[in-house]
Protein backbone atom coordinates (compact mmCIF):
# COMPACT_ATOMS: atom_id res chain seq x y z
CA MET A 1 -1.55 -27.83 -46.68
CA ARG A 2 1.07 -29.49 -49.22
CA ARG A 3 -0.59 -28.06 -52.23
CA PHE A 4 -0.94 -24.65 -50.54
CA ALA A 5 2.89 -24.65 -49.75
CA ARG A 6 3.50 -25.37 -53.47
CA ILE A 7 1.46 -22.39 -54.45
CA VAL A 8 2.80 -19.79 -51.99
CA GLY A 9 6.34 -20.70 -51.57
CA PRO A 10 8.30 -21.68 -48.34
CA VAL A 11 8.50 -18.26 -46.70
CA GLU A 12 4.93 -17.28 -46.96
CA HIS A 13 3.77 -20.80 -45.88
CA ASP A 14 5.91 -20.64 -42.74
CA LYS A 15 4.27 -17.34 -41.97
CA PHE A 16 0.73 -18.63 -42.51
CA ILE A 17 1.41 -21.60 -40.22
CA GLU A 18 2.83 -19.47 -37.56
CA SER A 19 0.13 -17.21 -37.72
CA HIS A 20 -2.57 -19.81 -37.39
CA ALA A 21 -0.46 -21.72 -34.49
CA LEU A 22 -0.64 -18.63 -32.70
CA GLU A 23 -4.60 -18.60 -33.02
CA PHE A 24 -4.87 -22.32 -31.59
CA GLU A 25 -3.12 -22.70 -28.48
CA PRO A 26 -3.24 -26.49 -27.77
CA GLY A 27 -2.60 -26.19 -24.20
CA ARG A 28 -5.49 -23.75 -23.39
CA GLU A 29 -7.94 -25.90 -25.75
CA ILE A 30 -6.96 -29.03 -23.67
CA LYS A 31 -7.54 -27.22 -20.39
CA ARG A 32 -10.94 -26.17 -21.68
CA LEU A 33 -11.87 -29.60 -22.71
CA GLN A 34 -10.75 -30.85 -19.01
CA GLU A 35 -12.87 -28.25 -17.58
CA TYR A 36 -15.83 -29.42 -19.71
CA ARG A 37 -15.27 -33.15 -18.41
CA THR A 38 -14.84 -32.37 -15.04
CA ALA A 39 -18.10 -30.54 -15.10
CA GLY A 40 -19.67 -33.57 -16.71
CA ILE A 41 -20.40 -31.92 -20.18
CA THR A 42 -20.14 -34.36 -23.01
CA ASN A 43 -21.11 -32.47 -26.21
CA PHE A 44 -20.71 -28.95 -27.59
CA CYS A 45 -24.29 -27.91 -27.22
CA SER A 46 -24.00 -28.40 -23.27
CA ALA A 47 -20.39 -26.70 -23.48
CA ARG A 48 -21.90 -23.30 -24.99
CA THR A 49 -24.34 -23.21 -22.27
CA TYR A 50 -21.77 -23.79 -19.87
CA ASP A 51 -19.52 -21.12 -20.93
CA HIS A 52 -22.68 -18.62 -20.88
CA LEU A 53 -23.43 -19.60 -17.61
CA LYS A 54 -19.87 -19.35 -16.15
CA LYS A 55 -19.71 -15.98 -17.88
CA THR A 56 -23.06 -14.78 -15.99
CA ARG A 57 -21.73 -16.08 -12.81
CA GLU A 58 -18.37 -14.26 -13.20
CA GLU A 59 -20.16 -10.94 -13.90
CA GLU A 60 -22.43 -11.65 -10.54
CA ARG A 61 -19.29 -12.59 -8.65
CA LEU A 62 -17.84 -9.02 -9.79
CA LYS A 63 -20.82 -7.24 -8.86
CA ARG A 64 -20.61 -8.81 -5.36
CA THR A 65 -16.83 -7.91 -5.17
CA MET A 66 -17.49 -4.34 -5.86
CA LEU A 67 -20.31 -4.06 -3.31
CA SER A 68 -18.05 -5.71 -0.46
CA GLU A 69 -15.60 -2.95 -1.59
CA VAL A 70 -18.05 -0.21 -0.84
CA LEU A 71 -18.98 -1.57 2.29
CA GLN A 72 -15.21 -1.88 3.52
CA TYR A 73 -14.90 1.99 3.08
CA ILE A 74 -18.48 2.76 4.46
CA GLN A 75 -16.57 5.16 7.04
CA ASP A 76 -15.22 7.18 4.09
CA GLY A 77 -18.38 8.98 2.62
CA SER A 78 -16.79 10.20 -0.98
CA ALA A 79 -15.45 6.50 -1.28
CA CYS A 80 -18.77 5.06 -0.69
CA GLN A 81 -20.67 7.50 -2.81
CA GLN A 82 -18.15 6.63 -5.88
CA GLY A 83 -18.51 2.96 -5.34
CA LEU A 84 -22.16 3.18 -5.24
CA ARG A 85 -22.24 5.11 -8.39
CA ARG A 86 -20.02 2.75 -10.27
CA GLN A 87 -22.02 -0.22 -8.70
CA ALA A 88 -25.44 1.66 -10.07
CA ALA A 89 -23.84 2.34 -13.65
CA ILE A 90 -23.05 -1.55 -13.84
CA ASP A 91 -26.31 -2.41 -12.72
CA SER A 92 -27.92 -0.22 -15.36
CA GLY A 93 -25.94 -1.78 -18.02
CA LEU A 94 -23.48 0.89 -18.60
CA SER A 95 -19.84 0.06 -19.03
CA SER A 96 -17.86 -1.44 -16.18
CA SER A 97 -15.28 1.07 -16.55
CA VAL A 98 -17.00 4.04 -15.00
CA PRO A 99 -14.47 6.38 -13.91
CA MET A 100 -14.16 6.76 -10.08
CA ALA A 101 -13.03 10.32 -10.18
CA SER A 102 -14.97 12.88 -7.72
CA ASN A 103 -16.23 16.20 -8.93
CA SER A 104 -12.84 17.98 -8.15
CA GLY A 105 -11.20 15.79 -10.76
CA THR A 106 -8.81 13.83 -8.54
CA ARG A 107 -9.25 10.76 -6.72
CA SER A 108 -7.52 10.06 -3.28
CA ALA A 109 -7.65 6.57 -1.70
CA PRO A 110 -8.92 6.57 1.57
CA PRO A 111 -6.30 6.31 4.56
CA LEU A 112 -5.19 2.69 5.24
CA ASN A 113 -7.06 0.94 7.99
CA LEU A 114 -4.22 -0.36 10.42
CA THR A 115 -6.41 -2.30 12.91
CA GLY A 116 -5.10 -5.97 12.97
CA LEU A 117 -2.00 -5.40 10.71
CA PRO A 118 1.14 -6.78 12.40
CA GLY A 119 3.73 -4.32 13.47
CA THR A 120 0.97 -1.66 14.38
CA GLU A 121 1.51 -1.76 18.15
CA LYS A 122 5.33 -1.11 17.49
CA LEU A 123 4.45 2.25 15.78
CA ASP A 124 4.02 5.81 17.64
CA GLU A 125 1.02 7.97 16.57
CA LYS A 126 2.97 9.85 14.12
CA GLU A 127 4.06 6.65 12.26
CA LYS A 128 0.56 5.16 12.31
CA GLU A 129 -0.47 8.51 10.65
CA LEU A 130 2.28 8.31 8.01
CA CYS A 131 1.44 4.41 7.29
CA GLN A 132 -2.51 5.30 7.04
CA VAL A 133 -1.65 8.24 4.68
CA VAL A 134 1.00 6.55 2.39
CA ARG A 135 -1.09 3.35 2.70
CA LEU A 136 1.95 1.30 3.75
CA ALA A 137 1.58 -1.73 6.05
CA PRO A 138 3.28 -1.11 9.43
CA GLY A 139 5.88 -4.21 9.02
CA ALA A 140 6.90 -2.91 5.64
CA TYR A 141 7.46 0.61 6.97
CA LEU A 142 9.44 -0.77 9.92
CA GLU A 143 11.82 -2.65 7.36
CA TYR A 144 12.24 0.33 5.22
CA LYS A 145 12.93 2.35 8.28
CA SER A 146 15.36 -0.10 9.60
CA ALA A 147 17.30 -0.22 6.31
CA LEU A 148 17.18 3.44 5.98
CA LEU A 149 18.63 4.08 9.45
CA ASN A 150 21.14 1.37 9.03
CA GLU A 151 22.45 3.19 5.65
CA CYS A 152 22.49 6.45 7.26
CA ASN A 153 24.56 5.37 10.14
CA LYS A 154 27.10 3.75 7.89
CA GLN A 155 27.20 6.69 5.35
CA GLY A 156 26.90 9.27 7.97
CA GLY A 157 24.00 10.72 6.28
CA LEU A 158 21.44 9.88 3.34
CA ARG A 159 20.48 11.47 0.15
CA LEU A 160 16.92 10.88 -1.43
CA ALA A 161 18.53 9.03 -4.22
CA GLN A 162 20.20 6.49 -2.09
CA ALA A 163 17.12 6.05 -0.01
CA ARG A 164 15.12 5.46 -3.49
CA ALA A 165 17.85 3.05 -4.53
CA LEU A 166 17.73 1.21 -1.31
CA ILE A 167 13.94 0.78 -0.99
CA LYS A 168 12.25 -0.33 -4.26
CA ILE A 169 8.94 1.06 -3.87
CA ASP A 170 6.83 3.93 -5.49
CA VAL A 171 9.14 7.06 -5.38
CA ASN A 172 6.46 9.26 -4.04
CA LYS A 173 6.01 6.86 -0.95
CA THR A 174 9.96 6.64 -0.55
CA ARG A 175 10.05 10.65 -0.70
CA LYS A 176 7.29 10.76 2.18
CA ILE A 177 8.87 8.25 4.12
CA TYR A 178 12.40 9.87 3.70
CA ASP A 179 10.89 13.33 4.51
CA PHE A 180 9.27 12.08 7.55
CA LEU A 181 12.37 10.29 8.92
CA ILE A 182 14.38 13.58 8.45
CA ARG A 183 11.68 15.56 10.06
CA GLU A 184 11.62 13.48 12.95
CA GLY A 185 15.27 13.16 13.36
CA TYR A 186 15.73 9.59 12.71
CA ILE A 187 18.15 9.98 9.84
CA THR A 188 20.23 13.10 8.42
CA LYS A 189 20.70 14.54 5.22
CA ALA A 190 24.06 13.87 3.60
């Protein structure tokens, strides 16, 4: 490297060293070697085989995960069909990034299943429906509702911009919660 440094000059030499330092991260390499050691691998031929088998196991695990996602949404026919199409594409060797869009061009997530989630028993039927459609956990909804009610009581009314600043979630979800609370009379517009 000293001879190389004499030829190219200090600035170019530093750039060269930095570019090669980024390619070789000692921490990652050490972790990889430690993984080999804990697996009982003592030579690089075995390490290649180990890496190949590890990759194969990971691909199989992803397939099983996708199948369990399909089974989770078995009640929703369109979501089930989309998942099965995606699984079939992966099994046939096509790309794992098969689009999940339906024939209409848009994909809507199935409603959230609230059974067993904490706070569900504290909601009325309309609130349960909102949580399912917005896909929001009941506990989180109750916290957001409480925060919005408190702020509305302090200010004597609440604007959508204030609600968005108060609860830091997706603006579309915030809008639906805000509209619902106004429609049901929990809060008033400022």
